[in-house]
Amino acid sequence: MSRESIFHEIDAERKRQDVQWGVQAHPMVPADAPVLFFKKAAEYARNNCDKRATLGTASWYDILREEFYEAFAEDFPVRQREELVQVAAVALEIIESIDRAAGRKKS
């Protein structure tokens, strides 16, 4: 499948979410969450991903987890947004990888 068709699927899902939940405005992290948790989780995920990449054993889980925790470890909205774009890009690559493995033709 092409990226454009995947983007259409994502857009359709967002529209379904809007119908179900309406416009949402949640805080980035729970108010009672210890900020240090996300910073430590991001550090662990980054180190683990780097180690596995060096060994040639990195998985999509490792890569996506690293990007996810980095997004929530950021203190500023501009940096959070940059990291979330990276999360979305990795998720897109995972979808493309699944499609390649399934032998789906690009449309």
N, C-alpha and C. Protein backbone atom coordinates (compact mmCIF):
# COMPACT_ATOMS: atom_id res chain seq x y z
N MET A 1 0.84 -1.18 0.00
CA MET A 1 0.00 0.00 0.00
C MET A 1 0.88 1.24 0.00
N SER A 2 0.39 2.28 -0.58
CA SER A 2 1.15 3.52 -0.63
C SER A 2 0.98 4.29 0.69
N ARG A 3 1.89 5.20 0.94
CA ARG A 3 1.76 6.05 2.13
C ARG A 3 0.46 6.83 2.07
N GLU A 4 0.11 7.28 0.89
CA GLU A 4 -1.13 8.05 0.74
C GLU A 4 -2.33 7.23 1.21
N SER A 5 -2.37 5.95 0.86
CA SER A 5 -3.51 5.12 1.28
C SER A 5 -3.48 4.88 2.79
N ILE A 6 -2.27 4.77 3.35
CA ILE A 6 -2.15 4.62 4.80
C ILE A 6 -2.62 5.90 5.49
N PHE A 7 -2.22 7.06 4.95
CA PHE A 7 -2.68 8.34 5.51
C PHE A 7 -4.20 8.43 5.46
N HIS A 8 -4.80 7.92 4.39
CA HIS A 8 -6.27 7.92 4.30
C HIS A 8 -6.88 7.04 5.41
N GLU A 9 -6.25 5.91 5.67
CA GLU A 9 -6.73 5.04 6.76
C GLU A 9 -6.62 5.75 8.10
N ILE A 10 -5.50 6.43 8.32
CA ILE A 10 -5.29 7.15 9.57
C ILE A 10 -6.32 8.27 9.70
N ASP A 11 -6.54 9.00 8.62
CA ASP A 11 -7.53 10.08 8.63
C ASP A 11 -8.92 9.53 8.93
N ALA A 12 -9.26 8.41 8.34
CA ALA A 12 -10.58 7.80 8.59
C ALA A 12 -10.70 7.40 10.07
N GLU A 13 -9.63 6.88 10.64
CA GLU A 13 -9.66 6.50 12.05
C GLU A 13 -9.82 7.72 12.94
N ARG A 14 -9.11 8.81 12.60
CA ARG A 14 -9.26 10.05 13.39
C ARG A 14 -10.68 10.57 13.32
N LYS A 15 -11.30 10.47 12.16
CA LYS A 15 -12.69 10.91 12.02
C LYS A 15 -13.61 10.06 12.88
N ARG A 16 -13.37 8.74 12.92
CA ARG A 16 -14.17 7.85 13.78
C ARG A 16 -13.99 8.24 15.25
N GLN A 17 -12.75 8.55 15.64
CA GLN A 17 -12.49 8.96 17.02
C GLN A 17 -13.21 10.26 17.36
N ASP A 18 -13.20 11.20 16.43
CA ASP A 18 -13.90 12.48 16.66
C ASP A 18 -15.39 12.27 16.83
N VAL A 19 -15.95 11.38 16.03
CA VAL A 19 -17.39 11.09 16.15
C VAL A 19 -17.67 10.45 17.51
N GLN A 20 -16.83 9.52 17.90
CA GLN A 20 -17.05 8.80 19.16
C GLN A 20 -16.79 9.67 20.38
N TRP A 21 -15.70 10.44 20.36
CA TRP A 21 -15.26 11.13 21.57
C TRP A 21 -15.36 12.65 21.49
N GLY A 22 -15.57 13.19 20.30
CA GLY A 22 -15.57 14.65 20.15
C GLY A 22 -14.14 15.16 20.22
N VAL A 23 -14.01 16.47 20.21
CA VAL A 23 -12.68 17.08 20.31
C VAL A 23 -12.15 16.82 21.72
N GLN A 24 -10.93 16.31 21.79
CA GLN A 24 -10.35 15.98 23.09
C GLN A 24 -9.22 16.95 23.43
N ALA A 25 -9.10 17.23 24.70
CA ALA A 25 -8.04 18.12 25.18
C ALA A 25 -7.55 17.61 26.53
N HIS A 26 -6.64 16.64 26.46
CA HIS A 26 -6.10 16.02 27.68
C HIS A 26 -4.72 16.60 27.97
N PRO A 27 -4.30 16.55 29.22
CA PRO A 27 -2.91 16.94 29.52
C PRO A 27 -1.97 15.88 28.93
N MET A 28 -0.74 16.27 28.69
CA MET A 28 0.24 15.31 28.13
C MET A 28 0.48 14.14 29.08
N VAL A 29 0.57 14.43 30.37
CA VAL A 29 0.80 13.36 31.36
C VAL A 29 -0.16 13.59 32.52
N PRO A 30 -0.47 12.54 33.27
CA PRO A 30 -1.33 12.72 34.43
C PRO A 30 -0.74 13.73 35.41
N ALA A 31 -1.59 14.52 36.01
CA ALA A 31 -1.13 15.56 36.94
C ALA A 31 -0.34 14.97 38.11
N ASP A 32 -0.66 13.75 38.50
CA ASP A 32 0.01 13.14 39.64
C ASP A 32 1.20 12.26 39.23
N ALA A 33 1.55 12.27 37.94
CA ALA A 33 2.68 11.45 37.48
C ALA A 33 4.00 12.11 37.86
N PRO A 34 4.91 11.34 38.41
CA PRO A 34 6.22 11.91 38.71
C PRO A 34 6.98 12.18 37.41
N VAL A 35 7.37 13.43 37.19
CA VAL A 35 8.04 13.84 35.96
C VAL A 35 9.29 13.00 35.71
N LEU A 36 9.99 12.70 36.78
CA LEU A 36 11.22 11.94 36.65
C LEU A 36 10.98 10.56 36.04
N PHE A 37 9.79 9.99 36.25
CA PHE A 37 9.47 8.67 35.68
C PHE A 37 9.67 8.67 34.18
N PHE A 38 9.12 9.67 33.49
CA PHE A 38 9.19 9.71 32.04
C PHE A 38 10.62 9.94 31.55
N LYS A 39 11.37 10.75 32.27
CA LYS A 39 12.76 10.99 31.89
C LYS A 39 13.59 9.72 32.07
N LYS A 40 13.37 9.00 33.16
CA LYS A 40 14.09 7.74 33.40
C LYS A 40 13.66 6.67 32.40
N ALA A 41 12.36 6.61 32.12
CA ALA A 41 11.85 5.63 31.15
C ALA A 41 12.43 5.91 29.76
N ALA A 42 12.52 7.19 29.39
CA ALA A 42 13.10 7.55 28.09
C ALA A 42 14.57 7.17 28.03
N GLU A 43 15.29 7.43 29.10
CA GLU A 43 16.71 7.08 29.15
C GLU A 43 16.90 5.57 29.03
N TYR A 44 16.10 4.81 29.78
CA TYR A 44 16.19 3.35 29.72
C TYR A 44 15.86 2.86 28.30
N ALA A 45 14.76 3.37 27.73
CA ALA A 45 14.35 2.93 26.40
C ALA A 45 15.40 3.26 25.35
N ARG A 46 15.99 4.45 25.45
CA ARG A 46 17.02 4.88 24.50
C ARG A 46 18.25 3.98 24.62
N ASN A 47 18.71 3.74 25.86
CA ASN A 47 19.88 2.89 26.07
C ASN A 47 19.63 1.47 25.60
N ASN A 48 18.44 0.96 25.90
CA ASN A 48 18.09 -0.40 25.50
C ASN A 48 18.03 -0.52 23.98
N CYS A 49 17.42 0.47 23.34
CA CYS A 49 17.30 0.45 21.88
C CYS A 49 18.68 0.55 21.23
N ASP A 50 19.51 1.45 21.75
CA ASP A 50 20.87 1.59 21.22
C ASP A 50 21.65 0.28 21.37
N LYS A 51 21.53 -0.35 22.53
CA LYS A 51 22.24 -1.61 22.78
C LYS A 51 21.77 -2.68 21.80
N ARG A 52 20.45 -2.81 21.64
CA ARG A 52 19.92 -3.82 20.72
C ARG A 52 20.29 -3.51 19.27
N ALA A 53 20.30 -2.22 18.92
CA ALA A 53 20.69 -1.84 17.55
C ALA A 53 22.14 -2.24 17.29
N THR A 54 23.00 -2.01 18.28
CA THR A 54 24.40 -2.39 18.15
C THR A 54 24.55 -3.90 17.96
N LEU A 55 23.71 -4.66 18.66
CA LEU A 55 23.75 -6.12 18.55
C LEU A 55 23.00 -6.64 17.33
N GLY A 56 22.28 -5.76 16.65
CA GLY A 56 21.49 -6.18 15.49
C GLY A 56 20.20 -6.87 15.87
N THR A 57 19.71 -6.61 17.09
CA THR A 57 18.49 -7.29 17.57
C THR A 57 17.36 -6.32 17.89
N ALA A 58 17.47 -5.07 17.45
CA ALA A 58 16.42 -4.08 17.74
C ALA A 58 15.11 -4.51 17.09
N SER A 59 14.03 -4.30 17.81
CA SER A 59 12.70 -4.61 17.29
C SER A 59 11.91 -3.32 17.12
N TRP A 60 10.80 -3.41 16.41
CA TRP A 60 9.93 -2.23 16.29
C TRP A 60 9.47 -1.78 17.67
N TYR A 61 9.24 -2.72 18.56
CA TYR A 61 8.83 -2.38 19.93
C TYR A 61 9.89 -1.49 20.58
N ASP A 62 11.16 -1.88 20.47
CA ASP A 62 12.24 -1.10 21.07
C ASP A 62 12.28 0.32 20.51
N ILE A 63 12.16 0.43 19.20
CA ILE A 63 12.26 1.72 18.53
C ILE A 63 11.07 2.61 18.87
N LEU A 64 9.86 2.05 18.79
CA LEU A 64 8.66 2.83 19.08
C LEU A 64 8.60 3.22 20.56
N ARG A 65 9.00 2.30 21.44
CA ARG A 65 9.00 2.61 22.87
C ARG A 65 9.95 3.77 23.17
N GLU A 66 11.12 3.76 22.54
CA GLU A 66 12.07 4.86 22.74
C GLU A 66 11.45 6.19 22.33
N GLU A 67 10.87 6.24 21.15
CA GLU A 67 10.27 7.49 20.67
C GLU A 67 9.10 7.92 21.55
N PHE A 68 8.28 6.98 21.97
CA PHE A 68 7.13 7.26 22.81
C PHE A 68 7.57 7.92 24.13
N TYR A 69 8.50 7.29 24.81
CA TYR A 69 8.93 7.84 26.10
C TYR A 69 9.68 9.15 25.94
N GLU A 70 10.42 9.31 24.85
CA GLU A 70 11.08 10.59 24.63
C GLU A 70 10.05 11.71 24.48
N ALA A 71 8.94 11.43 23.83
CA ALA A 71 7.89 12.45 23.66
C ALA A 71 7.33 12.89 25.00
N PHE A 72 7.08 11.94 25.88
CA PHE A 72 6.48 12.28 27.16
C PHE A 72 7.50 12.78 28.19
N ALA A 73 8.77 12.61 27.90
CA ALA A 73 9.81 13.12 28.78
C ALA A 73 10.11 14.59 28.51
N GLU A 74 9.66 15.10 27.37
CA GLU A 74 9.93 16.49 27.03
C GLU A 74 9.09 17.44 27.87
N ASP A 75 9.66 18.60 28.17
CA ASP A 75 8.98 19.58 29.00
C ASP A 75 8.26 20.66 28.19
N PHE A 76 8.63 20.83 26.94
CA PHE A 76 8.09 21.94 26.15
C PHE A 76 7.25 21.42 24.99
N PRO A 77 6.10 22.04 24.75
CA PRO A 77 5.20 21.59 23.68
C PRO A 77 5.86 21.48 22.31
N VAL A 78 6.75 22.39 21.96
CA VAL A 78 7.40 22.33 20.65
C VAL A 78 8.22 21.04 20.53
N ARG A 79 8.96 20.70 21.58
CA ARG A 79 9.76 19.47 21.58
C ARG A 79 8.87 18.23 21.66
N GLN A 80 7.79 18.31 22.44
CA GLN A 80 6.84 17.19 22.50
C GLN A 80 6.30 16.89 21.11
N ARG A 81 5.92 17.97 20.40
CA ARG A 81 5.38 17.81 19.06
C ARG A 81 6.41 17.17 18.13
N GLU A 82 7.65 17.64 18.19
CA GLU A 82 8.71 17.06 17.36
C GLU A 82 8.87 15.57 17.63
N GLU A 83 8.85 15.20 18.90
CA GLU A 83 8.99 13.79 19.25
C GLU A 83 7.77 12.98 18.81
N LEU A 84 6.59 13.56 18.92
CA LEU A 84 5.38 12.85 18.48
C LEU A 84 5.35 12.65 16.97
N VAL A 85 5.94 13.59 16.23
CA VAL A 85 6.08 13.38 14.78
C VAL A 85 6.97 12.16 14.54
N GLN A 86 8.01 12.01 15.36
CA GLN A 86 8.88 10.84 15.24
C GLN A 86 8.11 9.57 15.59
N VAL A 87 7.26 9.62 16.61
CA VAL A 87 6.41 8.47 16.96
C VAL A 87 5.55 8.08 15.76
N ALA A 88 4.91 9.08 15.15
CA ALA A 88 4.04 8.83 14.00
C ALA A 88 4.84 8.26 12.83
N ALA A 89 6.05 8.78 12.60
CA ALA A 89 6.88 8.29 11.50
C ALA A 89 7.29 6.83 11.72
N VAL A 90 7.64 6.49 12.95
CA VAL A 90 8.00 5.09 13.24
C VAL A 90 6.77 4.20 13.08
N ALA A 91 5.61 4.66 13.57
CA ALA A 91 4.38 3.86 13.40
C ALA A 91 4.08 3.65 11.92
N LEU A 92 4.26 4.68 11.11
CA LEU A 92 4.05 4.55 9.67
C LEU A 92 5.01 3.52 9.08
N GLU A 93 6.27 3.57 9.47
CA GLU A 93 7.24 2.60 8.96
C GLU A 93 6.87 1.18 9.38
N ILE A 94 6.35 1.02 10.59
CA ILE A 94 5.93 -0.32 11.03
C ILE A 94 4.79 -0.81 10.15
N ILE A 95 3.82 0.05 9.86
CA ILE A 95 2.70 -0.33 8.98
C ILE A 95 3.24 -0.71 7.61
N GLU A 96 4.17 0.10 7.08
CA GLU A 96 4.75 -0.22 5.77
C GLU A 96 5.50 -1.55 5.81
N SER A 97 6.19 -1.82 6.91
CA SER A 97 6.91 -3.08 7.06
C SER A 97 5.95 -4.27 7.07
N ILE A 98 4.83 -4.10 7.78
CA ILE A 98 3.80 -5.16 7.82
C ILE A 98 3.26 -5.40 6.42
N ASP A 99 2.98 -4.31 5.71
CA ASP A 99 2.45 -4.43 4.34
C ASP A 99 3.47 -5.11 3.41
N ARG A 100 4.75 -4.75 3.55
CA ARG A 100 5.78 -5.39 2.71
C ARG A 100 5.84 -6.89 3.00
N ALA A 101 5.82 -7.23 4.29
CA ALA A 101 5.90 -8.63 4.68
C ALA A 101 4.70 -9.44 4.18
N ALA A 102 3.56 -8.76 4.09
CA ALA A 102 2.34 -9.42 3.62
C ALA A 102 2.29 -9.46 2.09
N GLY A 103 3.27 -8.80 1.45
CA GLY A 103 3.31 -8.79 0.01
C GLY A 103 2.27 -7.91 -0.63
N ARG A 104 1.78 -6.93 0.13
CA ARG A 104 0.79 -6.02 -0.43
C ARG A 104 1.44 -5.15 -1.48
N LYS A 105 0.74 -4.99 -2.57
CA LYS A 105 1.25 -4.14 -3.65
C LYS A 105 0.93 -2.69 -3.38
N LYS A 106 1.86 -1.83 -3.80
CA LYS A 106 1.60 -0.39 -3.68
C LYS A 106 0.51 -0.02 -4.66
N SER A 107 -0.40 0.83 -4.17
CA SER A 107 -1.48 1.27 -5.06
C SER A 107 -1.33 2.73 -5.38
